[in-house]
């Protein structure tokens, strides 16, 4: 009986998706799990995986893709300081202008 429970337990652990190893209240982006703030829809689509800006939903307006990568994440271009970005993100200037950048 104990061996059956162990096998069942291992089977359940193995069912967790490698594509999304996060808890249901988290979003997986760039190898990390981010807490979702369900009380503030302003940041709902920050960190969504994208390959082009048209894939980013409001309130994001830019797909930030690192040099050499094939996909990136949705963010806000032309941010106006840290208050424009989700908690833990920074409003940073780069070659594409100022934008909210996810924590590393």
C-alpha atoms as a PDB file:
ATOM      1  CA  UNK A   1       0.000   0.000   0.000  1.00  0.00           C
ATOM      2  CA  UNK A   2       2.819   2.440   0.899  1.00  0.00           C
ATOM      3  CA  UNK A   3       4.562   1.766  -2.426  1.00  0.00           C
ATOM      4  CA  UNK A   4       1.301   2.470  -4.282  1.00  0.00           C
ATOM      5  CA  UNK A   5       0.957   5.857  -2.565  1.00  0.00           C
ATOM      6  CA  UNK A   6       4.580   6.711  -3.322  1.00  0.00           C
ATOM      7  CA  UNK A   7       4.110   5.870  -7.013  1.00  0.00           C
ATOM      8  CA  UNK A   8       0.861   7.875  -7.122  1.00  0.00           C
ATOM      9  CA  UNK A   9       2.586  10.830  -5.463  1.00  0.00           C
ATOM     10  CA  UNK A  10       5.487  10.721  -7.903  1.00  0.00           C
ATOM     11  CA  UNK A  11       3.032  10.497 -10.783  1.00  0.00           C
ATOM     12  CA  UNK A  12       1.234  13.626  -9.621  1.00  0.00           C
ATOM     13  CA  UNK A  13       4.486  15.553  -9.303  1.00  0.00           C
ATOM     14  CA  UNK A  14       5.494  14.423 -12.784  1.00  0.00           C
ATOM     15  CA  UNK A  15       2.230  15.827 -14.211  1.00  0.00           C
ATOM     16  CA  UNK A  16       3.226  19.431 -13.483  1.00  0.00           C
ATOM     17  CA  UNK A  17       3.952  21.204 -16.763  1.00  0.00           C
ATOM     18  CA  UNK A  18       7.555  22.047 -17.546  1.00  0.00           C
ATOM     19  CA  UNK A  19       6.225  24.973 -19.607  1.00  0.00           C
ATOM     20  CA  UNK A  20       4.574  26.426 -16.505  1.00  0.00           C
ATOM     21  CA  UNK A  21       6.094  25.159 -13.240  1.00  0.00           C
ATOM     22  CA  UNK A  22       4.447  27.939 -11.198  1.00  0.00           C
ATOM     23  CA  UNK A  23       1.564  27.879  -8.758  1.00  0.00           C
ATOM     24  CA  UNK A  24      -1.899  28.768 -10.137  1.00  0.00           C
ATOM     25  CA  UNK A  25      -1.645  32.290  -8.687  1.00  0.00           C
ATOM     26  CA  UNK A  26       1.677  32.949 -10.450  1.00  0.00           C
ATOM     27  CA  UNK A  27       2.834  33.663 -14.003  1.00  0.00           C
ATOM     28  CA  UNK A  28       5.909  31.970 -15.527  1.00  0.00           C
ATOM     29  CA  UNK A  29       8.131  34.295 -17.536  1.00  0.00           C
ATOM     30  CA  UNK A  30      11.787  33.964 -18.490  1.00  0.00           C
ATOM     31  CA  UNK A  31      12.462  31.077 -16.121  1.00  0.00           C
ATOM     32  CA  UNK A  32      10.884  32.712 -13.056  1.00  0.00           C
ATOM     33  CA  UNK A  33       7.521  32.616 -11.301  1.00  0.00           C
ATOM     34  CA  UNK A  34       5.922  36.019 -10.647  1.00  0.00           C
ATOM     35  CA  UNK A  35       3.104  36.660  -8.179  1.00  0.00           C
ATOM     36  CA  UNK A  36      -0.037  37.982  -9.830  1.00  0.00           C
ATOM     37  CA  UNK A  37      -1.786  40.928  -8.236  1.00  0.00           C
ATOM     38  CA  UNK A  38      -5.406  40.069  -8.968  1.00  0.00           C
ATOM     39  CA  UNK A  39      -6.561  43.225  -7.207  1.00  0.00           C
ATOM     40  CA  UNK A  40      -4.829  45.470  -9.783  1.00  0.00           C
ATOM     41  CA  UNK A  41      -5.675  44.708 -13.434  1.00  0.00           C
ATOM     42  CA  UNK A  42      -3.311  47.506 -14.516  1.00  0.00           C
ATOM     43  CA  UNK A  43      -0.446  45.012 -14.622  1.00  0.00           C
ATOM     44  CA  UNK A  44      -2.361  41.960 -15.859  1.00  0.00           C
ATOM     45  CA  UNK A  45      -0.396  41.481 -19.099  1.00  0.00           C
ATOM     46  CA  UNK A  46       3.066  42.576 -18.009  1.00  0.00           C
ATOM     47  CA  UNK A  47       5.398  39.627 -18.554  1.00  0.00           C
ATOM     48  CA  UNK A  48       3.185  37.829 -21.095  1.00  0.00           C
ATOM     49  CA  UNK A  49       5.395  35.960 -23.570  1.00  0.00           C
ATOM     50  CA  UNK A  50       5.428  37.582 -27.028  1.00  0.00           C
ATOM     51  CA  UNK A  51       7.213  37.526 -30.366  1.00  0.00           C
ATOM     52  CA  UNK A  52       5.887  40.886 -31.612  1.00  0.00           C
ATOM     53  CA  UNK A  53       4.291  43.990 -30.126  1.00  0.00           C
ATOM     54  CA  UNK A  54       0.873  43.260 -31.665  1.00  0.00           C
ATOM     55  CA  UNK A  55       0.624  40.239 -29.330  1.00  0.00           C
ATOM     56  CA  UNK A  56       0.713  42.473 -26.227  1.00  0.00           C
ATOM     57  CA  UNK A  57      -2.638  43.351 -24.641  1.00  0.00           C
ATOM     58  CA  UNK A  58      -3.462  46.595 -22.840  1.00  0.00           C
ATOM     59  CA  UNK A  59      -2.032  47.979 -20.593  1.00  0.00           C
ATOM     60  CA  UNK A  60       1.238  46.855 -22.166  1.00  0.00           C
ATOM     61  CA  UNK A  61       2.317  48.316 -25.505  1.00  0.00           C
ATOM     62  CA  UNK A  62       5.694  46.800 -26.378  1.00  0.00           C
ATOM     63  CA  UNK A  63       7.271  43.355 -26.816  1.00  0.00           C
ATOM     64  CA  UNK A  64      10.758  43.514 -25.311  1.00  0.00           C
ATOM     65  CA  UNK A  65      12.982  40.865 -26.911  1.00  0.00           C
ATOM     66  CA  UNK A  66      16.618  40.523 -25.864  1.00  0.00           C
ATOM     67  CA  UNK A  67      19.222  40.552 -28.632  1.00  0.00           C
ATOM     68  CA  UNK A  68      19.539  37.071 -30.092  1.00  0.00           C
ATOM     69  CA  UNK A  69      16.310  35.774 -28.510  1.00  0.00           C
ATOM     70  CA  UNK A  70      13.260  34.650 -30.495  1.00  0.00           C
ATOM     71  CA  UNK A  71      10.686  35.725 -27.924  1.00  0.00           C
ATOM     72  CA  UNK A  72      10.393  38.241 -25.136  1.00  0.00           C
ATOM     73  CA  UNK A  73       7.790  39.683 -22.791  1.00  0.00           C
ATOM     74  CA  UNK A  74       5.127  42.352 -22.925  1.00  0.00           C
ATOM     75  CA  UNK A  75       5.880  45.584 -21.119  1.00  0.00           C
ATOM     76  CA  UNK A  76       5.142  49.312 -21.134  1.00  0.00           C
ATOM     77  CA  UNK A  77       7.231  51.560 -23.375  1.00  0.00           C
ATOM     78  CA  UNK A  78       7.664  55.228 -22.414  1.00  0.00           C
ATOM     79  CA  UNK A  79       7.164  54.531 -18.717  1.00  0.00           C
ATOM     80  CA  UNK A  80       7.064  57.486 -16.371  1.00  0.00           C
ATOM     81  CA  UNK A  81       9.034  56.206 -13.388  1.00  0.00           C
ATOM     82  CA  UNK A  82       8.695  53.137 -11.180  1.00  0.00           C
ATOM     83  CA  UNK A  83       5.001  53.824 -10.459  1.00  0.00           C
ATOM     84  CA  UNK A  84       4.249  52.973 -14.113  1.00  0.00           C
ATOM     85  CA  UNK A  85       5.654  49.463 -13.648  1.00  0.00           C
ATOM     86  CA  UNK A  86       4.589  46.391 -11.619  1.00  0.00           C
ATOM     87  CA  UNK A  87       6.116  45.909  -8.181  1.00  0.00           C
ATOM     88  CA  UNK A  88       9.748  44.810  -8.528  1.00  0.00           C
ATOM     89  CA  UNK A  89      10.104  46.045 -12.128  1.00  0.00           C
ATOM     90  CA  UNK A  90      12.152  49.126 -13.027  1.00  0.00           C
ATOM     91  CA  UNK A  91      11.563  51.940 -15.503  1.00  0.00           C
ATOM     92  CA  UNK A  92      14.866  51.868 -17.384  1.00  0.00           C
ATOM     93  CA  UNK A  93      16.254  53.697 -20.401  1.00  0.00           C
ATOM     94  CA  UNK A  94      17.736  51.587 -23.165  1.00  0.00           C
ATOM     95  CA  UNK A  95      18.304  51.626 -26.910  1.00  0.00           C
ATOM     96  CA  UNK A  96      14.538  51.381 -27.507  1.00  0.00           C
ATOM     97  CA  UNK A  97      13.733  54.174 -25.036  1.00  0.00           C
ATOM     98  CA  UNK A  98      12.371  54.040 -21.487  1.00  0.00           C
ATOM     99  CA  UNK A  99      10.389  50.935 -20.557  1.00  0.00           C
ATOM    100  CA  UNK A 100       9.417  48.750 -17.639  1.00  0.00           C
ATOM    101  CA  UNK A 101      11.985  45.973 -17.236  1.00  0.00           C
ATOM    102  CA  UNK A 102      11.284  42.731 -15.381  1.00  0.00           C
ATOM    103  CA  UNK A 103      13.503  41.786 -12.427  1.00  0.00           C
ATOM    104  CA  UNK A 104      16.402  39.520 -13.363  1.00  0.00           C
END
